[in-house]
């Protein structure tokens, strides 16, 4: 039998995520022979790579081309890296059960434990904005690289950083949860759309991939992901947008969606939450986007884009 080929980036985290999906398939679809293929995307060349797009597409572009070209059959993405528009002929088919969604602090026992003027590292404009909205005395500095690189910089560059912010899910998947000093409340530090979830993408007409995803997919996770993505798409969000969106099952056939947008300096922000139908997650996302827009989110994000 021809193997089902999983396409993924080559980072330690991406490989751990792909291996997790392969393990799930091995447990629930033992009839499938599953292989992992590493695909180098334009974002792997760094933000200054020649010809690299400046939006989320840089994290999926070559993998989508490999899907369309038949080199791989199923893409495993960090859901928060997937752009709102997919390449023609491709579809998000589902998602396994979600990992932890929270942001965490490494290097300190809590936000309140940081000294006045402490230097906190992050690569996320959303985290930058939320940190300053919570504590405007902090000095938030940009820090790039993968999880291991960031943790090493925190440990080795004595005095340069007092703490860094990372995703709890990534640390768990890499077996480094012991590095966590404090978990940030997701009601206040609303996670990025898709944070903690894996998005499984394939050719829309590939019934074998669709059946494989159906075996390992989690309906709650996928509904929440669709609501969060719809909100982000309706607001025109990119990877440079200080946007948080977090949906959770609310029982009785409902989802609750919480959203947050703010200026990078934390001086102004807008939040909202709404309950809607579980089976109409995109409609819930669009309604929250409309409510946010009526409250001034479009003007706020316009000011972000002008910076």
C-alpha atoms as a PDB file:
ATOM      1  CA  UNK A   1       0.000   0.000   0.000  1.00  0.00           C
ATOM      2  CA  UNK A   2       1.231   3.486  -0.834  1.00  0.00           C
ATOM      3  CA  UNK A   3       2.129   5.274   2.431  1.00  0.00           C
ATOM      4  CA  UNK A   4       0.231   8.302   3.641  1.00  0.00           C
ATOM      5  CA  UNK A   5       2.875  11.035   3.624  1.00  0.00           C
ATOM      6  CA  UNK A   6       2.711  13.742   6.270  1.00  0.00           C
ATOM      7  CA  UNK A   7       4.274  17.066   5.268  1.00  0.00           C
ATOM      8  CA  UNK A   8       5.784  19.249   7.977  1.00  0.00           C
ATOM      9  CA  UNK A   9       8.419  21.855   8.658  1.00  0.00           C
ATOM     10  CA  UNK A  10      11.706  20.583  10.053  1.00  0.00           C
ATOM     11  CA  UNK A  11      11.846  22.397  13.407  1.00  0.00           C
ATOM     12  CA  UNK A  12      11.902  20.309  16.576  1.00  0.00           C
ATOM     13  CA  UNK A  13       8.396  21.457  17.464  1.00  0.00           C
ATOM     14  CA  UNK A  14       6.986  20.799  13.978  1.00  0.00           C
ATOM     15  CA  UNK A  15       8.511  17.324  13.932  1.00  0.00           C
ATOM     16  CA  UNK A  16       7.085  16.577  17.385  1.00  0.00           C
ATOM     17  CA  UNK A  17       3.658  17.649  16.159  1.00  0.00           C
ATOM     18  CA  UNK A  18       3.887  15.497  13.043  1.00  0.00           C
ATOM     19  CA  UNK A  19       5.047  12.534  15.145  1.00  0.00           C
ATOM     20  CA  UNK A  20       2.044  13.027  17.422  1.00  0.00           C
ATOM     21  CA  UNK A  21      -0.309  12.819  14.427  1.00  0.00           C
ATOM     22  CA  UNK A  22       1.509   9.734  13.143  1.00  0.00           C
ATOM     23  CA  UNK A  23       1.124   8.096  16.580  1.00  0.00           C
ATOM     24  CA  UNK A  24      -2.605   8.870  16.621  1.00  0.00           C
ATOM     25  CA  UNK A  25      -3.005   7.384  13.159  1.00  0.00           C
ATOM     26  CA  UNK A  26      -1.044   4.330  14.219  1.00  0.00           C
ATOM     27  CA  UNK A  27      -3.444   3.811  17.132  1.00  0.00           C
ATOM     28  CA  UNK A  28      -6.694   4.504  15.307  1.00  0.00           C
ATOM     29  CA  UNK A  29      -5.842   3.609  11.715  1.00  0.00           C
ATOM     30  CA  UNK A  30      -3.268   0.796  12.009  1.00  0.00           C
ATOM     31  CA  UNK A  31      -4.014  -0.190   8.422  1.00  0.00           C
ATOM     32  CA  UNK A  32      -2.209   2.934   7.204  1.00  0.00           C
ATOM     33  CA  UNK A  33       1.525   3.131   6.578  1.00  0.00           C
ATOM     34  CA  UNK A  34       2.441   6.695   7.576  1.00  0.00           C
ATOM     35  CA  UNK A  35       5.651   8.525   6.677  1.00  0.00           C
ATOM     36  CA  UNK A  36       6.869  12.016   7.608  1.00  0.00           C
ATOM     37  CA  UNK A  37       8.355  14.260   4.922  1.00  0.00           C
ATOM     38  CA  UNK A  38      10.183  17.455   5.887  1.00  0.00           C
ATOM     39  CA  UNK A  39       9.425  20.439   3.652  1.00  0.00           C
ATOM     40  CA  UNK A  40      11.377  23.693   3.901  1.00  0.00           C
ATOM     41  CA  UNK A  41       9.048  26.698   3.748  1.00  0.00           C
ATOM     42  CA  UNK A  42      10.110  30.239   2.859  1.00  0.00           C
ATOM     43  CA  UNK A  43       9.813  31.312   6.501  1.00  0.00           C
ATOM     44  CA  UNK A  44      12.582  28.889   7.423  1.00  0.00           C
ATOM     45  CA  UNK A  45      15.007  31.235   5.687  1.00  0.00           C
ATOM     46  CA  UNK A  46      14.319  33.919   8.280  1.00  0.00           C
ATOM     47  CA  UNK A  47      12.355  37.188   8.042  1.00  0.00           C
ATOM     48  CA  UNK A  48      14.842  38.663   5.620  1.00  0.00           C
ATOM     49  CA  UNK A  49      14.883  35.763   3.182  1.00  0.00           C
ATOM     50  CA  UNK A  50      14.774  36.955  -0.411  1.00  0.00           C
ATOM     51  CA  UNK A  51      11.307  36.648  -1.892  1.00  0.00           C
ATOM     52  CA  UNK A  52       9.745  35.381   1.335  1.00  0.00           C
ATOM     53  CA  UNK A  53       6.190  36.617   1.951  1.00  0.00           C
ATOM     54  CA  UNK A  54       5.693  38.794   5.003  1.00  0.00           C
ATOM     55  CA  UNK A  55       2.469  37.173   6.219  1.00  0.00           C
ATOM     56  CA  UNK A  56       1.551  33.758   7.609  1.00  0.00           C
ATOM     57  CA  UNK A  57       1.822  32.159   4.183  1.00  0.00           C
ATOM     58  CA  UNK A  58       5.589  31.900   4.674  1.00  0.00           C
ATOM     59  CA  UNK A  59       4.976  29.100   7.202  1.00  0.00           C
ATOM     60  CA  UNK A  60       2.873  26.969   4.852  1.00  0.00           C
ATOM     61  CA  UNK A  61       3.715  27.931   1.258  1.00  0.00           C
ATOM     62  CA  UNK A  62       6.021  25.096   0.219  1.00  0.00           C
ATOM     63  CA  UNK A  63       3.975  22.527   2.128  1.00  0.00           C
ATOM     64  CA  UNK A  64       0.850  23.579   0.259  1.00  0.00           C
ATOM     65  CA  UNK A  65       2.742  23.282  -3.031  1.00  0.00           C
ATOM     66  CA  UNK A  66       3.880  19.795  -2.005  1.00  0.00           C
ATOM     67  CA  UNK A  67       0.250  18.867  -1.323  1.00  0.00           C
ATOM     68  CA  UNK A  68      -0.887  20.176  -4.677  1.00  0.00           C
ATOM     69  CA  UNK A  69       1.991  18.437  -6.429  1.00  0.00           C
ATOM     70  CA  UNK A  70       1.286  15.107  -4.748  1.00  0.00           C
ATOM     71  CA  UNK A  71       4.610  14.924  -2.892  1.00  0.00           C
ATOM     72  CA  UNK A  72       2.742  14.763   0.445  1.00  0.00           C
ATOM     73  CA  UNK A  73      -0.834  13.828   1.348  1.00  0.00           C
ATOM     74  CA  UNK A  74      -1.496  15.475   4.691  1.00  0.00           C
ATOM     75  CA  UNK A  75      -0.004  18.644   6.147  1.00  0.00           C
ATOM     76  CA  UNK A  76       0.351  19.108   9.906  1.00  0.00           C
ATOM     77  CA  UNK A  77       0.510  22.797  10.836  1.00  0.00           C
ATOM     78  CA  UNK A  78       0.537  24.789  14.032  1.00  0.00           C
ATOM     79  CA  UNK A  79      -2.977  26.156  13.561  1.00  0.00           C
ATOM     80  CA  UNK A  80      -2.015  29.687  14.566  1.00  0.00           C
ATOM     81  CA  UNK A  81       0.428  29.788  11.609  1.00  0.00           C
ATOM     82  CA  UNK A  82      -2.170  28.962   8.945  1.00  0.00           C
ATOM     83  CA  UNK A  83      -3.378  31.980   6.906  1.00  0.00           C
ATOM     84  CA  UNK A  84      -7.075  32.699   6.506  1.00  0.00           C
ATOM     85  CA  UNK A  85      -7.005  31.827   2.809  1.00  0.00           C
ATOM     86  CA  UNK A  86      -5.700  28.436   1.708  1.00  0.00           C
ATOM     87  CA  UNK A  87      -4.315  27.602  -1.713  1.00  0.00           C
ATOM     88  CA  UNK A  88      -6.996  26.623  -4.254  1.00  0.00           C
ATOM     89  CA  UNK A  89      -7.812  22.930  -4.095  1.00  0.00           C
ATOM     90  CA  UNK A  90      -6.812  22.513  -0.445  1.00  0.00           C
ATOM     91  CA  UNK A  91      -8.934  22.263   2.689  1.00  0.00           C
ATOM     92  CA  UNK A  92      -8.565  22.080   6.439  1.00  0.00           C
ATOM     93  CA  UNK A  93     -10.124  18.696   7.206  1.00  0.00           C
ATOM     94  CA  UNK A  94      -9.931  18.690  10.986  1.00  0.00           C
ATOM     95  CA  UNK A  95      -7.775  18.884  14.099  1.00  0.00           C
ATOM     96  CA  UNK A  96      -6.758  16.459  16.852  1.00  0.00           C
ATOM     97  CA  UNK A  97      -7.686  17.282  20.433  1.00  0.00           C
ATOM     98  CA  UNK A  98      -6.229  20.637  21.434  1.00  0.00           C
ATOM     99  CA  UNK A  99      -3.241  21.034  23.718  1.00  0.00           C
ATOM    100  CA  UNK A 100      -3.073  23.737  26.396  1.00  0.00           C
ATOM    101  CA  UNK A 101      -3.874  27.176  24.986  1.00  0.00           C
ATOM    102  CA  UNK A 102      -2.232  29.441  27.573  1.00  0.00           C
ATOM    103  CA  UNK A 103       0.787  31.666  27.276  1.00  0.00           C
ATOM    104  CA  UNK A 104       3.388  31.103  29.991  1.00  0.00           C
ATOM    105  CA  UNK A 105       6.233  33.018  31.580  1.00  0.00           C
ATOM    106  CA  UNK A 106       9.656  31.393  31.838  1.00  0.00           C
ATOM    107  CA  UNK A 107      12.282  32.839  34.164  1.00  0.00           C
ATOM    108  CA  UNK A 108       9.926  34.202  36.809  1.00  0.00           C
ATOM    109  CA  UNK A 109       7.336  32.901  39.259  1.00  0.00           C
ATOM    110  CA  UNK A 110       4.698  35.314  38.003  1.00  0.00           C
ATOM    111  CA  UNK A 111       3.957  38.602  36.328  1.00  0.00           C
ATOM    112  CA  UNK A 112       3.695  40.297  39.719  1.00  0.00           C
ATOM    113  CA  UNK A 113       7.130  38.922  40.659  1.00  0.00           C
ATOM    114  CA  UNK A 114       8.929  40.875  37.950  1.00  0.00           C
ATOM    115  CA  UNK A 115      10.782  43.965  39.122  1.00  0.00           C
ATOM    116  CA  UNK A 116       9.868  47.437  37.907  1.00  0.00           C
ATOM    117  CA  UNK A 117      11.254  47.890  34.382  1.00  0.00           C
ATOM    118  CA  UNK A 118      11.958  44.178  33.909  1.00  0.00           C
ATOM    119  CA  UNK A 119      12.929  43.062  30.401  1.00  0.00           C
ATOM    120  CA  UNK A 120      10.550  40.462  28.962  1.00  0.00           C
ATOM    121  CA  UNK A 121      11.202  38.818  25.603  1.00  0.00           C
ATOM    122  CA  UNK A 122       8.636  37.786  22.983  1.00  0.00           C
ATOM    123  CA  UNK A 123       8.342  37.689  19.197  1.00  0.00           C
ATOM    124  CA  UNK A 124       4.562  38.259  19.262  1.00  0.00           C
ATOM    125  CA  UNK A 125       2.974  41.677  18.856  1.00  0.00           C
ATOM    126  CA  UNK A 126      -0.123  40.329  20.647  1.00  0.00           C
ATOM    127  CA  UNK A 127       1.913  39.263  23.682  1.00  0.00           C
ATOM    128  CA  UNK A 128       3.780  42.576  23.559  1.00  0.00           C
ATOM    129  CA  UNK A 129       0.493  44.481  23.708  1.00  0.00           C
ATOM    130  CA  UNK A 130      -1.057  42.312  26.414  1.00  0.00           C
ATOM    131  CA  UNK A 131       2.020  42.473  28.629  1.00  0.00           C
ATOM    132  CA  UNK A 132       2.073  46.267  28.483  1.00  0.00           C
ATOM    133  CA  UNK A 133      -1.693  46.455  29.000  1.00  0.00           C
ATOM    134  CA  UNK A 134      -1.153  44.512  32.235  1.00  0.00           C
ATOM    135  CA  UNK A 135       2.077  46.266  33.306  1.00  0.00           C
ATOM    136  CA  UNK A 136       3.109  49.379  31.449  1.00  0.00           C
ATOM    137  CA  UNK A 137       6.402  49.583  33.353  1.00  0.00           C
ATOM    138  CA  UNK A 138       7.849  46.512  31.635  1.00  0.00           C
ATOM    139  CA  UNK A 139      10.396  46.724  28.838  1.00  0.00           C
ATOM    140  CA  UNK A 140       9.190  44.240  26.237  1.00  0.00           C
ATOM    141  CA  UNK A 141      11.924  43.281  23.777  1.00  0.00           C
ATOM    142  CA  UNK A 142      11.791  41.324  20.536  1.00  0.00           C
ATOM    143  CA  UNK A 143      13.374  37.884  20.699  1.00  0.00           C
ATOM    144  CA  UNK A 144      13.331  35.440  17.794  1.00  0.00           C
ATOM    145  CA  UNK A 145      14.351  31.850  17.162  1.00  0.00           C
ATOM    146  CA  UNK A 146      12.817  28.519  18.078  1.00  0.00           C
ATOM    147  CA  UNK A 147      11.836  27.465  21.604  1.00  0.00           C
ATOM    148  CA  UNK A 148      15.248  26.022  22.444  1.00  0.00           C
ATOM    149  CA  UNK A 149      17.017  29.147  21.186  1.00  0.00           C
ATOM    150  CA  UNK A 150      14.840  31.433  23.278  1.00  0.00           C
ATOM    151  CA  UNK A 151      15.230  29.381  26.444  1.00  0.00           C
ATOM    152  CA  UNK A 152      18.987  29.245  25.914  1.00  0.00           C
ATOM    153  CA  UNK A 153      19.152  33.004  25.506  1.00  0.00           C
ATOM    154  CA  UNK A 154      17.177  33.470  28.724  1.00  0.00           C
ATOM    155  CA  UNK A 155      19.578  31.170  30.590  1.00  0.00           C
ATOM    156  CA  UNK A 156      22.862  32.342  29.094  1.00  0.00           C
ATOM    157  CA  UNK A 157      22.464  36.072  28.479  1.00  0.00           C
ATOM    158  CA  UNK A 158      22.654  37.034  32.130  1.00  0.00           C
ATOM    159  CA  UNK A 159      20.990  40.349  32.828  1.00  0.00           C
ATOM    160  CA  UNK A 160      19.688  40.748  29.279  1.00  0.00           C
ATOM    161  CA  UNK A 161      16.283  39.187  29.925  1.00  0.00           C
ATOM    162  CA  UNK A 162      14.310  38.720  33.125  1.00  0.00           C
ATOM    163  CA  UNK A 163      11.666  36.488  31.535  1.00  0.00           C
ATOM    164  CA  UNK A 164      10.282  35.316  28.208  1.00  0.00           C
ATOM    165  CA  UNK A 165       6.758  34.436  27.089  1.00  0.00           C
ATOM    166  CA  UNK A 166       6.101  31.172  25.231  1.00  0.00           C
ATOM    167  CA  UNK A 167       3.143  28.958  24.389  1.00  0.00           C
ATOM    168  CA  UNK A 168       2.445  26.278  26.973  1.00  0.00           C
ATOM    169  CA  UNK A 169       1.517  23.816  24.199  1.00  0.00           C
ATOM    170  CA  UNK A 170       4.918  24.027  22.529  1.00  0.00           C
ATOM    171  CA  UNK A 171       6.773  23.414  25.781  1.00  0.00           C
ATOM    172  CA  UNK A 172       4.581  20.407  26.511  1.00  0.00           C
ATOM    173  CA  UNK A 173       5.127  18.912  23.081  1.00  0.00           C
ATOM    174  CA  UNK A 174       8.874  19.316  23.470  1.00  0.00           C
ATOM    175  CA  UNK A 175       8.899  17.843  26.971  1.00  0.00           C
ATOM    176  CA  UNK A 176      10.063  21.125  28.508  1.00  0.00           C
ATOM    177  CA  UNK A 177       7.099  22.054  30.683  1.00  0.00           C
ATOM    178  CA  UNK A 178       9.434  22.182  33.693  1.00  0.00           C
ATOM    179  CA  UNK A 179      10.735  25.493  32.275  1.00  0.00           C
ATOM    180  CA  UNK A 180       7.402  27.173  33.030  1.00  0.00           C
ATOM    181  CA  UNK A 181       7.461  29.672  35.895  1.00  0.00           C
ATOM    182  CA  UNK A 182       3.888  30.913  35.618  1.00  0.00           C
ATOM    183  CA  UNK A 183       0.811  30.294  33.500  1.00  0.00           C
ATOM    184  CA  UNK A 184      -0.932  33.446  32.284  1.00  0.00           C
ATOM    185  CA  UNK A 185      -4.718  33.638  32.637  1.00  0.00           C
ATOM    186  CA  UNK A 186      -6.232  33.177  29.125  1.00  0.00           C
ATOM    187  CA  UNK A 187      -9.177  35.384  30.084  1.00  0.00           C
ATOM    188  CA  UNK A 188      -6.735  38.294  30.397  1.00  0.00           C
ATOM    189  CA  UNK A 189      -3.977  37.152  28.052  1.00  0.00           C
ATOM    190  CA  UNK A 190      -6.286  35.902  25.309  1.00  0.00           C
ATOM    191  CA  UNK A 191      -4.320  33.423  23.158  1.00  0.00           C
ATOM    192  CA  UNK A 192      -3.702  33.742  19.439  1.00  0.00           C
ATOM    193  CA  UNK A 193      -6.340  32.238  17.128  1.00  0.00           C
ATOM    194  CA  UNK A 194      -5.547  28.539  16.848  1.00  0.00           C
ATOM    195  CA  UNK A 195      -2.988  28.476  19.667  1.00  0.00           C
ATOM    196  CA  UNK A 196      -2.467  24.975  21.030  1.00  0.00           C
ATOM    197  CA  UNK A 197      -4.245  23.345  18.077  1.00  0.00           C
ATOM    198  CA  UNK A 198      -2.918  21.447  15.070  1.00  0.00           C
ATOM    199  CA  UNK A 199      -4.542  22.051  11.690  1.00  0.00           C
ATOM    200  CA  UNK A 200      -4.659  19.106   9.286  1.00  0.00           C
ATOM    201  CA  UNK A 201      -4.709  20.205   5.635  1.00  0.00           C
ATOM    202  CA  UNK A 202      -5.057  18.072   2.517  1.00  0.00           C
ATOM    203  CA  UNK A 203      -6.289  18.105  -1.059  1.00  0.00           C
ATOM    204  CA  UNK A 204     -10.042  18.662  -1.018  1.00  0.00           C
ATOM    205  CA  UNK A 205     -10.647  15.610  -3.226  1.00  0.00           C
ATOM    206  CA  UNK A 206      -8.371  13.225  -1.305  1.00  0.00           C
ATOM    207  CA  UNK A 207     -10.806  10.775   0.313  1.00  0.00           C
ATOM    208  CA  UNK A 208      -8.040   8.704   1.916  1.00  0.00           C
ATOM    209  CA  UNK A 209      -6.654  11.729   3.785  1.00  0.00           C
ATOM    210  CA  UNK A 210     -10.175  12.818   4.710  1.00  0.00           C
ATOM    211  CA  UNK A 211     -10.958   9.394   6.179  1.00  0.00           C
ATOM    212  CA  UNK A 212      -7.654   9.393   8.091  1.00  0.00           C
ATOM    213  CA  UNK A 213      -8.379  12.805   9.614  1.00  0.00           C
ATOM    214  CA  UNK A 214     -11.913  11.731  10.522  1.00  0.00           C
ATOM    215  CA  UNK A 215     -10.436   8.918  12.615  1.00  0.00           C
ATOM    216  CA  UNK A 216      -8.241  11.204  14.741  1.00  0.00           C
ATOM    217  CA  UNK A 217     -10.115  14.507  14.593  1.00  0.00           C
ATOM    218  CA  UNK A 218     -11.724  16.162  17.605  1.00  0.00           C
ATOM    219  CA  UNK A 219     -15.023  17.904  16.825  1.00  0.00           C
ATOM    220  CA  UNK A 220     -14.778  20.368  19.720  1.00  0.00           C
ATOM    221  CA  UNK A 221     -11.284  21.491  18.736  1.00  0.00           C
ATOM    222  CA  UNK A 222     -12.166  21.895  15.073  1.00  0.00           C
ATOM    223  CA  UNK A 223     -15.312  23.902  15.813  1.00  0.00           C
ATOM    224  CA  UNK A 224     -13.362  26.222  18.126  1.00  0.00           C
ATOM    225  CA  UNK A 225     -10.606  26.599  15.538  1.00  0.00           C
ATOM    226  CA  UNK A 226     -13.105  27.497  12.818  1.00  0.00           C
ATOM    227  CA  UNK A 227     -14.699  30.179  15.016  1.00  0.00           C
ATOM    228  CA  UNK A 228     -11.319  31.723  15.859  1.00  0.00           C
ATOM    229  CA  UNK A 229     -10.179  31.667  12.222  1.00  0.00           C
ATOM    230  CA  UNK A 230     -13.419  33.252  11.050  1.00  0.00           C
ATOM    231  CA  UNK A 231     -12.990  36.084  13.555  1.00  0.00           C
ATOM    232  CA  UNK A 232      -9.394  36.698  12.474  1.00  0.00           C
ATOM    233  CA  UNK A 233     -10.343  36.607   8.783  1.00  0.00           C
ATOM    234  CA  UNK A 234     -13.257  39.005   9.272  1.00  0.00           C
ATOM    235  CA  UNK A 235     -10.973  41.485  11.038  1.00  0.00           C
ATOM    236  CA  UNK A 236      -8.324  41.172   8.308  1.00  0.00           C
ATOM    237  CA  UNK A 237      -5.776  39.978  10.850  1.00  0.00           C
ATOM    238  CA  UNK A 238      -2.235  38.938   9.946  1.00  0.00           C
ATOM    239  CA  UNK A 239       0.698  37.642  11.978  1.00  0.00           C
ATOM    240  CA  UNK A 240       1.436  41.299  12.801  1.00  0.00           C
ATOM    241  CA  UNK A 241      -2.010  41.951  14.316  1.00  0.00           C
ATOM    242  CA  UNK A 242      -2.292  42.187  18.127  1.00  0.00           C
ATOM    243  CA  UNK A 243      -5.326  39.891  18.169  1.00  0.00           C
ATOM    244  CA  UNK A 244      -6.380  37.235  20.632  1.00  0.00           C
ATOM    245  CA  UNK A 245      -9.246  34.806  19.965  1.00  0.00           C
ATOM    246  CA  UNK A 246     -10.149  31.815  22.098  1.00  0.00           C
ATOM    247  CA  UNK A 247     -13.251  29.655  21.679  1.00  0.00           C
ATOM    248  CA  UNK A 248     -14.379  26.976  24.124  1.00  0.00           C
ATOM    249  CA  UNK A 249     -17.311  24.533  24.158  1.00  0.00           C
ATOM    250  CA  UNK A 250     -20.062  26.028  26.312  1.00  0.00           C
ATOM    251  CA  UNK A 251     -22.446  23.074  26.506  1.00  0.00           C
ATOM    252  CA  UNK A 252     -25.980  22.783  25.151  1.00  0.00           C
ATOM    253  CA  UNK A 253     -24.728  22.880  21.568  1.00  0.00           C
ATOM    254  CA  UNK A 254     -22.913  26.197  22.034  1.00  0.00           C
ATOM    255  CA  UNK A 255     -19.465  27.743  21.806  1.00  0.00           C
ATOM    256  CA  UNK A 256     -18.161  30.745  23.712  1.00  0.00           C
ATOM    257  CA  UNK A 257     -15.740  32.988  21.827  1.00  0.00           C
ATOM    258  CA  UNK A 258     -13.548  35.548  23.586  1.00  0.00           C
ATOM    259  CA  UNK A 259     -11.636  38.166  21.574  1.00  0.00           C
ATOM    260  CA  UNK A 260      -9.076  40.917  22.279  1.00  0.00           C
ATOM    261  CA  UNK A 261      -7.369  43.547  20.127  1.00  0.00           C
ATOM    262  CA  UNK A 262      -5.070  46.322  21.310  1.00  0.00           C
ATOM    263  CA  UNK A 263      -2.358  48.770  20.436  1.00  0.00           C
ATOM    264  CA  UNK A 264       1.204  47.390  20.685  1.00  0.00           C
ATOM    265  CA  UNK A 265       2.009  49.778  23.528  1.00  0.00           C
ATOM    266  CA  UNK A 266      -0.905  48.437  25.574  1.00  0.00           C
ATOM    267  CA  UNK A 267      -2.463  51.870  25.990  1.00  0.00           C
ATOM    268  CA  UNK A 268      -5.798  50.978  24.359  1.00  0.00           C
ATOM    269  CA  UNK A 269      -7.578  47.703  23.836  1.00  0.00           C
ATOM    270  CA  UNK A 270     -11.013  46.228  23.150  1.00  0.00           C
ATOM    271  CA  UNK A 271     -12.360  42.902  24.377  1.00  0.00           C
ATOM    272  CA  UNK A 272     -15.560  40.975  23.781  1.00  0.00           C
ATOM    273  CA  UNK A 273     -17.108  37.556  24.338  1.00  0.00           C
ATOM    274  CA  UNK A 274     -20.198  35.928  22.901  1.00  0.00           C
ATOM    275  CA  UNK A 275     -21.962  32.550  22.947  1.00  0.00           C
ATOM    276  CA  UNK A 276     -23.158  31.049  19.677  1.00  0.00           C
ATOM    277  CA  UNK A 277     -24.096  27.805  17.988  1.00  0.00           C
ATOM    278  CA  UNK A 278     -21.592  24.936  18.001  1.00  0.00           C
ATOM    279  CA  UNK A 279     -22.579  23.957  14.467  1.00  0.00           C
ATOM    280  CA  UNK A 280     -22.188  27.484  13.073  1.00  0.00           C
ATOM    281  CA  UNK A 281     -18.710  28.422  14.342  1.00  0.00           C
ATOM    282  CA  UNK A 282     -17.848  30.688  11.411  1.00  0.00           C
ATOM    283  CA  UNK A 283     -21.054  32.652  12.025  1.00  0.00           C
ATOM    284  CA  UNK A 284     -20.053  33.156  15.655  1.00  0.00           C
ATOM    285  CA  UNK A 285     -16.620  34.375  14.598  1.00  0.00           C
ATOM    286  CA  UNK A 286     -18.091  36.859  12.152  1.00  0.00           C
ATOM    287  CA  UNK A 287     -20.601  38.159  14.715  1.00  0.00           C
ATOM    288  CA  UNK A 288     -17.875  38.813  17.272  1.00  0.00           C
ATOM    289  CA  UNK A 289     -15.831  40.568  14.582  1.00  0.00           C
ATOM    290  CA  UNK A 290     -18.837  42.775  13.773  1.00  0.00           C
ATOM    291  CA  UNK A 291     -19.316  43.618  17.451  1.00  0.00           C
ATOM    292  CA  UNK A 292     -15.625  44.385  17.829  1.00  0.00           C
ATOM    293  CA  UNK A 293     -15.785  46.565  14.736  1.00  0.00           C
ATOM    294  CA  UNK A 294     -18.736  48.508  16.156  1.00  0.00           C
ATOM    295  CA  UNK A 295     -16.722  49.071  19.326  1.00  0.00           C
ATOM    296  CA  UNK A 296     -13.823  50.573  17.378  1.00  0.00           C
ATOM    297  CA  UNK A 297     -11.603  47.593  16.539  1.00  0.00           C
ATOM    298  CA  UNK A 298     -11.221  48.569  12.881  1.00  0.00           C
ATOM    299  CA  UNK A 299      -9.971  52.021  13.820  1.00  0.00           C
ATOM    300  CA  UNK A 300      -7.645  50.534  16.419  1.00  0.00           C
ATOM    301  CA  UNK A 301      -6.174  48.010  13.971  1.00  0.00           C
ATOM    302  CA  UNK A 302      -5.840  50.760  11.375  1.00  0.00           C
ATOM    303  CA  UNK A 303      -3.629  52.645  13.788  1.00  0.00           C
ATOM    304  CA  UNK A 304      -1.561  49.483  14.314  1.00  0.00           C
ATOM    305  CA  UNK A 305      -1.088  49.071  10.562  1.00  0.00           C
ATOM    306  CA  UNK A 306      -0.004  52.697  10.212  1.00  0.00           C
ATOM    307  CA  UNK A 307       2.837  52.317  12.714  1.00  0.00           C
END
